[in-house]
Structure formats: C-alpha cells, structure tokens
Amino acid sequence: MQAIQELGVGEALVSFLDDNGTPGITQRVWVCAPGSQIGPIAPAERQAIQNASVLKGVYDKAIDRVSAYEVLQQRGSSAIAADNGAPQPGKPAAPGAAEQEGPDFTDILMSKAKDIFLGSTGPRGGHREGIVEKVVRQSGEKILRGILGSLLGGKK
C-alpha cells in the first residue's frame, strides 16, 4: 500500500506469472516512455525500421487462405443448388433436373406447423418440445402435484 503512494512518474508495480500460472512477487519497475511522433514517418524511415526488424521477410508475402466463412458459403450454395435441382459447380446436371419442381409451399407450411405443434428433432439429436407436448406435460404435472398433495397432506 505504501509503495503505491510512493510511485513516481515512469514507475509501476508489476507482477509476472510463474510456470504454474501463479503470480510472483510484485516488484517496482521503471517504464520507458513510448518512442512516438506526431504525424506519419517518411518512407526512408519506414524502410530503415523494416530492414532492422527481426521479422524482416516473414510477413512480406500475402497469403489469402480460405476462411471458414468462405467454406460455409460454398457448402450453403451447393446445398441450395442441390435443392433447386441446379447443377453444382464442377458437377454435370442430372438428366431431367430442369423438369423437377421444388417442394410445394403447402408441404413446407405443413411441415413447419407439425414441428411447432408436435415438436421436432434437431440436427444433433436434441428434441424440441412442441406446443401440444408442452400443454400435456404441464397439465400432467399439475394433476400429479394435486394428487400427491392431497395424499401426502400438502400445503393448505
């Protein structure tokens, strides 16, 4: 507490973690002021700093890797193309693909309504409870509580 009150300009209290991740003893240290300037540096100064850097040449070449976003976009467009019967990039069109129609709107609507009322199973096997299931479960719980409460002498 006393060391905090005695800190001068350019001083700080610092503690580092050891190999096990536990903090070490707090020590008083000097902090160097940052070397900065107002405004951009000249191109010659920039080149001198880059040439003196230990990272010279490491980041000179730009690498444009395929991102996860791009992979997912490709999968999505392939899935949409497969659903619509359109030929996927790199695959020939199936014979008669232009004659096939997409799913009917009423089929989609009925499927969604069934999922809402009766529940559905998610992509990883989890069950989503539907409205009918929820009402039946809640009613059953109330009836069971009432019966057990009357038998066991619950709150009056």
C-alpha atoms as a PDB file:
ATOM      1  CA  MET A   1       0.000   0.000   0.000  1.00  0.00           C
ATOM      2  CA  GLN A   2       2.864   2.351   0.836  1.00  0.00           C
ATOM      3  CA  ALA A   3       4.669   1.574  -2.447  1.00  0.00           C
ATOM      4  CA  ILE A   4       1.604   2.630  -4.445  1.00  0.00           C
ATOM      5  CA  GLN A   5       1.597   6.023  -2.749  1.00  0.00           C
ATOM      6  CA  GLU A   6       5.337   6.491  -3.345  1.00  0.00           C
ATOM      7  CA  LEU A   7       5.287   5.710  -7.106  1.00  0.00           C
ATOM      8  CA  GLY A   8       6.867   8.421  -9.212  1.00  0.00           C
ATOM      9  CA  VAL A   9       6.489   9.342 -12.856  1.00  0.00           C
ATOM     10  CA  GLY A  10       7.567   6.405 -15.030  1.00  0.00           C
ATOM     11  CA  GLU A  11       7.299   3.836 -12.217  1.00  0.00           C
ATOM     12  CA  ALA A  12       4.870   0.944 -11.871  1.00  0.00           C
ATOM     13  CA  LEU A  13       4.218  -2.118  -9.720  1.00  0.00           C
ATOM     14  CA  VAL A  14       4.418  -5.310 -11.802  1.00  0.00           C
ATOM     15  CA  SER A  15       3.843  -8.985 -11.051  1.00  0.00           C
ATOM     16  CA  PHE A  16       4.536 -11.798 -13.514  1.00  0.00           C
ATOM     17  CA  LEU A  17       3.144 -15.331 -13.564  1.00  0.00           C
ATOM     18  CA  ASP A  18       5.450 -18.273 -12.925  1.00  0.00           C
ATOM     19  CA  ASP A  19       5.428 -21.591 -14.834  1.00  0.00           C
ATOM     20  CA  ASN A  20       2.399 -22.836 -12.865  1.00  0.00           C
ATOM     21  CA  GLY A  21       0.401 -19.665 -13.526  1.00  0.00           C
ATOM     22  CA  THR A  22       0.599 -18.291 -10.001  1.00  0.00           C
ATOM     23  CA  PRO A  23       1.511 -14.616  -9.587  1.00  0.00           C
ATOM     24  CA  GLY A  24       5.048 -13.857  -8.446  1.00  0.00           C
ATOM     25  CA  ILE A  25       6.179 -11.175  -6.010  1.00  0.00           C
ATOM     26  CA  THR A  26       5.095  -7.666  -7.011  1.00  0.00           C
ATOM     27  CA  GLN A  27       8.094  -5.512  -7.863  1.00  0.00           C
ATOM     28  CA  ARG A  28       8.648  -1.837  -8.540  1.00  0.00           C
ATOM     29  CA  VAL A  29       9.853  -1.180 -12.090  1.00  0.00           C
ATOM     30  CA  TRP A  30      10.680   1.712 -14.398  1.00  0.00           C
ATOM     31  CA  VAL A  31       8.541   2.063 -17.509  1.00  0.00           C
ATOM     32  CA  CYS A  32      10.136   3.520 -20.618  1.00  0.00           C
ATOM     33  CA  ALA A  33       8.179   6.220 -22.355  1.00  0.00           C
ATOM     34  CA  PRO A  34       6.976   5.211 -25.801  1.00  0.00           C
ATOM     35  CA  GLY A  35       9.003   6.483 -28.721  1.00  0.00           C
ATOM     36  CA  SER A  36       6.441   8.313 -30.812  1.00  0.00           C
ATOM     37  CA  GLN A  37       5.962  11.325 -33.011  1.00  0.00           C
ATOM     38  CA  ILE A  38       3.070  13.327 -34.351  1.00  0.00           C
ATOM     39  CA  GLY A  39       2.369  12.634 -37.998  1.00  0.00           C
ATOM     40  CA  PRO A  40       3.469   9.883 -40.384  1.00  0.00           C
ATOM     41  CA  ILE A  41       7.086   8.862 -40.822  1.00  0.00           C
ATOM     42  CA  ALA A  42       8.988   9.370 -44.044  1.00  0.00           C
ATOM     43  CA  PRO A  43       9.249   6.410 -46.457  1.00  0.00           C
ATOM     44  CA  ALA A  44      13.014   6.238 -45.884  1.00  0.00           C
ATOM     45  CA  GLU A  45      12.492   5.977 -42.107  1.00  0.00           C
ATOM     46  CA  ARG A  46       9.867   3.257 -42.615  1.00  0.00           C
ATOM     47  CA  GLN A  47      12.262   1.274 -44.836  1.00  0.00           C
ATOM     48  CA  ALA A  48      15.093   1.601 -42.295  1.00  0.00           C
ATOM     49  CA  ILE A  49      12.855   0.292 -39.495  1.00  0.00           C
ATOM     50  CA  GLN A  50      11.660  -2.620 -41.643  1.00  0.00           C
ATOM     51  CA  ASN A  51      15.209  -3.549 -42.640  1.00  0.00           C
ATOM     52  CA  ALA A  52      16.341  -3.543 -38.987  1.00  0.00           C
ATOM     53  CA  SER A  53      13.391  -5.677 -37.817  1.00  0.00           C
ATOM     54  CA  VAL A  54      13.892  -9.315 -36.805  1.00  0.00           C
ATOM     55  CA  LEU A  55      10.641 -10.041 -38.684  1.00  0.00           C
ATOM     56  CA  LYS A  56      12.043  -8.796 -41.983  1.00  0.00           C
ATOM     57  CA  GLY A  57      10.829 -11.077 -44.745  1.00  0.00           C
ATOM     58  CA  VAL A  58       8.423 -13.064 -42.560  1.00  0.00           C
ATOM     59  CA  TYR A  59       5.283 -11.096 -43.393  1.00  0.00           C
ATOM     60  CA  ASP A  60       6.297  -9.768 -46.817  1.00  0.00           C
ATOM     61  CA  LYS A  61       4.262 -12.275 -48.802  1.00  0.00           C
ATOM     62  CA  ALA A  62       0.458 -12.003 -48.509  1.00  0.00           C
ATOM     63  CA  ILE A  63      -1.307 -15.354 -48.152  1.00  0.00           C
ATOM     64  CA  ASP A  64      -5.045 -15.464 -48.819  1.00  0.00           C
ATOM     65  CA  ARG A  65      -6.210 -18.665 -47.168  1.00  0.00           C
ATOM     66  CA  VAL A  66      -9.755 -19.966 -47.471  1.00  0.00           C
ATOM     67  CA  SER A  67     -11.700 -18.797 -44.440  1.00  0.00           C
ATOM     68  CA  ALA A  68     -14.339 -20.780 -42.580  1.00  0.00           C
ATOM     69  CA  TYR A  69     -16.901 -18.241 -43.793  1.00  0.00           C
ATOM     70  CA  GLU A  70     -15.993 -18.966 -47.403  1.00  0.00           C
ATOM     71  CA  VAL A  71     -16.194 -22.736 -46.825  1.00  0.00           C
ATOM     72  CA  LEU A  72     -19.646 -22.395 -45.246  1.00  0.00           C
ATOM     73  CA  GLN A  73     -20.818 -20.109 -48.050  1.00  0.00           C
ATOM     74  CA  GLN A  74     -19.688 -22.718 -50.603  1.00  0.00           C
ATOM     75  CA  ARG A  75     -21.480 -25.507 -48.725  1.00  0.00           C
ATOM     76  CA  GLY A  76     -24.634 -23.397 -48.493  1.00  0.00           C
ATOM     77  CA  SER A  77     -24.660 -22.542 -52.171  1.00  0.00           C
ATOM     78  CA  SER A  78     -24.020 -26.204 -53.039  1.00  0.00           C
ATOM     79  CA  ALA A  79     -26.914 -27.304 -50.811  1.00  0.00           C
ATOM     80  CA  ILE A  80     -29.230 -24.689 -52.320  1.00  0.00           C
ATOM     81  CA  ALA A  81     -28.185 -25.719 -55.808  1.00  0.00           C
ATOM     82  CA  ALA A  82     -28.861 -29.365 -54.933  1.00  0.00           C
ATOM     83  CA  ASP A  83     -32.292 -28.497 -53.506  1.00  0.00           C
ATOM     84  CA  ASN A  84     -33.250 -26.442 -56.534  1.00  0.00           C
ATOM     85  CA  GLY A  85     -32.021 -29.055 -58.983  1.00  0.00           C
ATOM     86  CA  ALA A  86     -29.492 -26.615 -60.444  1.00  0.00           C
ATOM     87  CA  PRO A  87     -26.142 -28.082 -61.452  1.00  0.00           C
ATOM     88  CA  GLN A  88     -23.467 -27.681 -58.808  1.00  0.00           C
ATOM     89  CA  PRO A  89     -20.133 -26.176 -59.768  1.00  0.00           C
ATOM     90  CA  GLY A  90     -17.923 -28.960 -61.106  1.00  0.00           C
ATOM     91  CA  LYS A  91     -20.778 -31.488 -61.420  1.00  0.00           C
ATOM     92  CA  PRO A  92     -22.824 -32.208 -64.548  1.00  0.00           C
ATOM     93  CA  ALA A  93     -26.575 -31.589 -64.419  1.00  0.00           C
ATOM     94  CA  ALA A  94     -28.737 -34.633 -63.744  1.00  0.00           C
ATOM     95  CA  PRO A  95     -30.953 -35.695 -66.636  1.00  0.00           C
ATOM     96  CA  GLY A  96     -34.452 -34.268 -66.234  1.00  0.00           C
ATOM     97  CA  ALA A  97     -33.316 -31.848 -63.498  1.00  0.00           C
ATOM     98  CA  ALA A  98     -34.956 -28.916 -65.282  1.00  0.00           C
ATOM     99  CA  GLU A  99     -38.303 -30.754 -65.275  1.00  0.00           C
ATOM    100  CA  GLN A 100     -38.378 -31.279 -61.495  1.00  0.00           C
ATOM    101  CA  GLU A 101     -40.241 -28.773 -59.385  1.00  0.00           C
ATOM    102  CA  GLY A 102     -39.174 -27.602 -55.947  1.00  0.00           C
ATOM    103  CA  PRO A 103     -41.113 -28.529 -52.815  1.00  0.00           C
ATOM    104  CA  ASP A 104     -44.661 -27.220 -52.707  1.00  0.00           C
ATOM    105  CA  PHE A 105     -45.348 -24.244 -50.430  1.00  0.00           C
ATOM    106  CA  THR A 106     -48.159 -26.092 -48.651  1.00  0.00           C
ATOM    107  CA  ASP A 107     -45.822 -29.014 -47.916  1.00  0.00           C
ATOM    108  CA  ILE A 108     -43.313 -26.675 -46.340  1.00  0.00           C
ATOM    109  CA  LEU A 109     -46.039 -24.900 -44.365  1.00  0.00           C
ATOM    110  CA  MET A 110     -47.497 -28.183 -43.096  1.00  0.00           C
ATOM    111  CA  SER A 111     -44.042 -29.435 -42.107  1.00  0.00           C
ATOM    112  CA  LYS A 112     -43.317 -26.269 -40.122  1.00  0.00           C
ATOM    113  CA  ALA A 113     -46.769 -26.381 -38.470  1.00  0.00           C
ATOM    114  CA  LYS A 114     -46.191 -30.031 -37.494  1.00  0.00           C
ATOM    115  CA  ASP A 115     -42.816 -29.091 -35.958  1.00  0.00           C
ATOM    116  CA  ILE A 116     -44.411 -26.238 -33.983  1.00  0.00           C
ATOM    117  CA  PHE A 117     -47.344 -28.244 -32.643  1.00  0.00           C
ATOM    118  CA  LEU A 118     -45.827 -31.713 -32.215  1.00  0.00           C
ATOM    119  CA  GLY A 119     -42.153 -30.906 -31.718  1.00  0.00           C
ATOM    120  CA  SER A 120     -39.114 -31.822 -33.755  1.00  0.00           C
ATOM    121  CA  THR A 121     -35.666 -33.349 -33.510  1.00  0.00           C
ATOM    122  CA  GLY A 122     -32.696 -31.042 -34.029  1.00  0.00           C
ATOM    123  CA  PRO A 123     -29.666 -31.726 -36.219  1.00  0.00           C
ATOM    124  CA  ARG A 124     -27.689 -33.144 -33.287  1.00  0.00           C
ATOM    125  CA  GLY A 125     -30.478 -35.342 -31.963  1.00  0.00           C
ATOM    126  CA  GLY A 126     -31.886 -32.932 -29.389  1.00  0.00           C
ATOM    127  CA  HIS A 127     -35.682 -32.799 -29.067  1.00  0.00           C
ATOM    128  CA  ARG A 128     -37.571 -29.519 -29.369  1.00  0.00           C
ATOM    129  CA  GLU A 129     -40.840 -29.660 -27.491  1.00  0.00           C
ATOM    130  CA  GLY A 130     -43.984 -28.721 -29.421  1.00  0.00           C
ATOM    131  CA  ILE A 131     -46.987 -26.784 -28.143  1.00  0.00           C
ATOM    132  CA  VAL A 132     -49.123 -29.918 -27.695  1.00  0.00           C
ATOM    133  CA  GLU A 133     -46.353 -31.714 -25.785  1.00  0.00           C
ATOM    134  CA  LYS A 134     -45.819 -28.708 -23.540  1.00  0.00           C
ATOM    135  CA  VAL A 135     -49.536 -28.414 -22.684  1.00  0.00           C
ATOM    136  CA  VAL A 136     -49.825 -32.150 -21.970  1.00  0.00           C
ATOM    137  CA  ARG A 137     -46.682 -32.118 -19.820  1.00  0.00           C
ATOM    138  CA  GLN A 138     -47.743 -29.067 -17.812  1.00  0.00           C
ATOM    139  CA  SER A 139     -51.273 -30.417 -17.298  1.00  0.00           C
ATOM    140  CA  GLY A 140     -49.896 -33.767 -16.190  1.00  0.00           C
ATOM    141  CA  GLU A 141     -47.558 -32.078 -13.728  1.00  0.00           C
ATOM    142  CA  LYS A 142     -50.433 -30.080 -12.213  1.00  0.00           C
ATOM    143  CA  ILE A 143     -52.626 -33.167 -11.884  1.00  0.00           C
ATOM    144  CA  LEU A 144     -49.777 -35.165 -10.331  1.00  0.00           C
ATOM    145  CA  ARG A 145     -48.997 -32.369  -7.875  1.00  0.00           C
ATOM    146  CA  GLY A 146     -52.654 -32.174  -6.894  1.00  0.00           C
ATOM    147  CA  ILE A 147     -52.955 -35.908  -6.330  1.00  0.00           C
ATOM    148  CA  LEU A 148     -49.700 -36.173  -4.381  1.00  0.00           C
ATOM    149  CA  GLY A 149     -50.539 -33.044  -2.414  1.00  0.00           C
ATOM    150  CA  SER A 150     -53.882 -34.437  -1.318  1.00  0.00           C
ATOM    151  CA  LEU A 151     -52.417 -37.865  -0.477  1.00  0.00           C
ATOM    152  CA  LEU A 152     -49.379 -36.597   1.390  1.00  0.00           C
ATOM    153  CA  GLY A 153     -51.118 -33.675   3.083  1.00  0.00           C
ATOM    154  CA  GLY A 154     -49.513 -30.799   1.250  1.00  0.00           C
ATOM    155  CA  LYS A 155     -49.996 -27.101   1.996  1.00  0.00           C
ATOM    156  CA  LYS A 156     -53.495 -25.960   2.840  1.00  0.00           C
END
